[in-house]
Amino acid sequence: MKDWANERARAAADDAAFELLGLTILALVPALFWTGIAAAIGAALGYPLSAATLATVGAAIATFLFSAMMTLFARAG
């Protein structure tokens, strides 16, 4: 006999893992894009940004996007 409660719990854990992966991708891809744009603009203006600055900018963008998307996903689900 199947244990339906165990199956539902496993399915919920799988859904949560895929949701977390989706949120991570939704946050990292635009953060990498805009960090690259910032680096290119800085280099074009003759003021290349340091790696620490670019890492800080990328982390700030990713954190903001992750928190905004997490709020939207929480309200939708």
C-alpha atoms as a PDB file:
ATOM      1  CA  MET A   1       0.000   0.000   0.000  1.00  0.00           C
ATOM      2  CA  LYS A   2       1.260   3.449  -0.878  1.00  0.00           C
ATOM      3  CA  ASP A   3       1.955   6.062   1.735  1.00  0.00           C
ATOM      4  CA  TRP A   4       0.289   9.126   0.193  1.00  0.00           C
ATOM      5  CA  ALA A   5       1.427  11.518   2.905  1.00  0.00           C
ATOM      6  CA  ASN A   6       5.057  10.585   2.265  1.00  0.00           C
ATOM      7  CA  GLU A   7       4.562  11.000  -1.495  1.00  0.00           C
ATOM      8  CA  ARG A   8       3.011  14.450  -1.033  1.00  0.00           C
ATOM      9  CA  ALA A   9       5.856  15.546   1.234  1.00  0.00           C
ATOM     10  CA  ARG A  10       8.430  14.361  -1.290  1.00  0.00           C
ATOM     11  CA  ALA A  11       6.608  16.179  -4.115  1.00  0.00           C
ATOM     12  CA  ALA A  12       6.463  19.381  -2.057  1.00  0.00           C
ATOM     13  CA  ALA A  13      10.199  19.159  -1.363  1.00  0.00           C
ATOM     14  CA  ASP A  14      10.890  18.677  -5.069  1.00  0.00           C
ATOM     15  CA  ASP A  15       8.712  21.674  -5.930  1.00  0.00           C
ATOM     16  CA  ALA A  16      10.524  23.815  -3.368  1.00  0.00           C
ATOM     17  CA  ALA A  17      13.911  22.817  -4.779  1.00  0.00           C
ATOM     18  CA  PHE A  18      12.866  23.707  -8.325  1.00  0.00           C
ATOM     19  CA  GLU A  19      11.382  26.996  -7.123  1.00  0.00           C
ATOM     20  CA  LEU A  20      14.639  27.886  -5.369  1.00  0.00           C
ATOM     21  CA  LEU A  21      16.621  27.005  -8.489  1.00  0.00           C
ATOM     22  CA  GLY A  22      14.317  29.168 -10.604  1.00  0.00           C
ATOM     23  CA  LEU A  23      14.629  32.095  -8.220  1.00  0.00           C
ATOM     24  CA  THR A  24      18.407  31.778  -8.249  1.00  0.00           C
ATOM     25  CA  ILE A  25      18.531  31.805 -12.037  1.00  0.00           C
ATOM     26  CA  LEU A  26      16.112  34.737 -12.204  1.00  0.00           C
ATOM     27  CA  ALA A  27      18.352  36.704  -9.846  1.00  0.00           C
ATOM     28  CA  LEU A  28      21.799  35.754 -11.164  1.00  0.00           C
ATOM     29  CA  VAL A  29      21.341  36.157 -14.914  1.00  0.00           C
ATOM     30  CA  PRO A  30      20.240  39.824 -14.826  1.00  0.00           C
ATOM     31  CA  ALA A  31      22.790  40.573 -12.090  1.00  0.00           C
ATOM     32  CA  LEU A  32      25.604  39.218 -14.260  1.00  0.00           C
ATOM     33  CA  PHE A  33      24.287  41.154 -17.252  1.00  0.00           C
ATOM     34  CA  TRP A  34      24.107  44.495 -15.433  1.00  0.00           C
ATOM     35  CA  THR A  35      27.459  43.937 -13.748  1.00  0.00           C
ATOM     36  CA  GLY A  36      28.963  43.380 -17.194  1.00  0.00           C
ATOM     37  CA  ILE A  37      27.309  46.557 -18.449  1.00  0.00           C
ATOM     38  CA  ALA A  38      28.726  48.503 -15.484  1.00  0.00           C
ATOM     39  CA  ALA A  39      32.203  47.095 -16.175  1.00  0.00           C
ATOM     40  CA  ALA A  40      31.957  47.982 -19.856  1.00  0.00           C
ATOM     41  CA  ILE A  41      30.778  51.531 -19.139  1.00  0.00           C
ATOM     42  CA  GLY A  42      33.525  52.037 -16.585  1.00  0.00           C
ATOM     43  CA  ALA A  43      36.157  50.790 -19.019  1.00  0.00           C
ATOM     44  CA  ALA A  44      34.742  52.942 -21.842  1.00  0.00           C
ATOM     45  CA  LEU A  45      34.946  56.036 -19.654  1.00  0.00           C
ATOM     46  CA  GLY A  46      38.546  55.243 -18.750  1.00  0.00           C
ATOM     47  CA  TYR A  47      37.792  54.279 -15.163  1.00  0.00           C
ATOM     48  CA  PRO A  48      37.775  50.482 -14.923  1.00  0.00           C
ATOM     49  CA  LEU A  49      35.992  49.231 -11.837  1.00  0.00           C
ATOM     50  CA  SER A  50      37.835  46.919  -9.457  1.00  0.00           C
ATOM     51  CA  ALA A  51      36.819  43.304  -9.016  1.00  0.00           C
ATOM     52  CA  ALA A  52      35.637  44.037  -5.466  1.00  0.00           C
ATOM     53  CA  THR A  53      33.376  46.822  -6.714  1.00  0.00           C
ATOM     54  CA  LEU A  54      31.932  44.643  -9.455  1.00  0.00           C
ATOM     55  CA  ALA A  55      31.362  41.793  -6.985  1.00  0.00           C
ATOM     56  CA  THR A  56      29.584  44.173  -4.603  1.00  0.00           C
ATOM     57  CA  VAL A  57      27.389  45.571  -7.367  1.00  0.00           C
ATOM     58  CA  GLY A  58      26.548  42.074  -8.634  1.00  0.00           C
ATOM     59  CA  ALA A  59      25.741  40.803  -5.141  1.00  0.00           C
ATOM     60  CA  ALA A  60      23.529  43.817  -4.424  1.00  0.00           C
ATOM     61  CA  ILE A  61      21.596  43.379  -7.663  1.00  0.00           C
ATOM     62  CA  ALA A  62      21.212  39.622  -7.157  1.00  0.00           C
ATOM     63  CA  THR A  63      20.080  40.059  -3.548  1.00  0.00           C
ATOM     64  CA  PHE A  64      17.516  42.672  -4.517  1.00  0.00           C
ATOM     65  CA  LEU A  65      16.135  40.589  -7.383  1.00  0.00           C
ATOM     66  CA  PHE A  66      16.048  37.416  -5.293  1.00  0.00           C
ATOM     67  CA  SER A  67      14.108  39.141  -2.505  1.00  0.00           C
ATOM     68  CA  ALA A  68      11.689  40.789  -4.935  1.00  0.00           C
ATOM     69  CA  MET A  69      11.032  37.535  -6.793  1.00  0.00           C
ATOM     70  CA  MET A  70      10.698  35.584  -3.530  1.00  0.00           C
ATOM     71  CA  THR A  71       7.975  38.013  -2.447  1.00  0.00           C
ATOM     72  CA  LEU A  72       6.126  37.608  -5.750  1.00  0.00           C
ATOM     73  CA  PHE A  73       6.418  33.807  -5.687  1.00  0.00           C
ATOM     74  CA  ALA A  74       5.239  33.663  -2.069  1.00  0.00           C
ATOM     75  CA  ARG A  75       2.146  35.713  -2.867  1.00  0.00           C
ATOM     76  CA  ALA A  76       1.361  33.620  -5.958  1.00  0.00           C
ATOM     77  CA  GLY A  77       1.701  30.258  -4.225  1.00  0.00           C
END
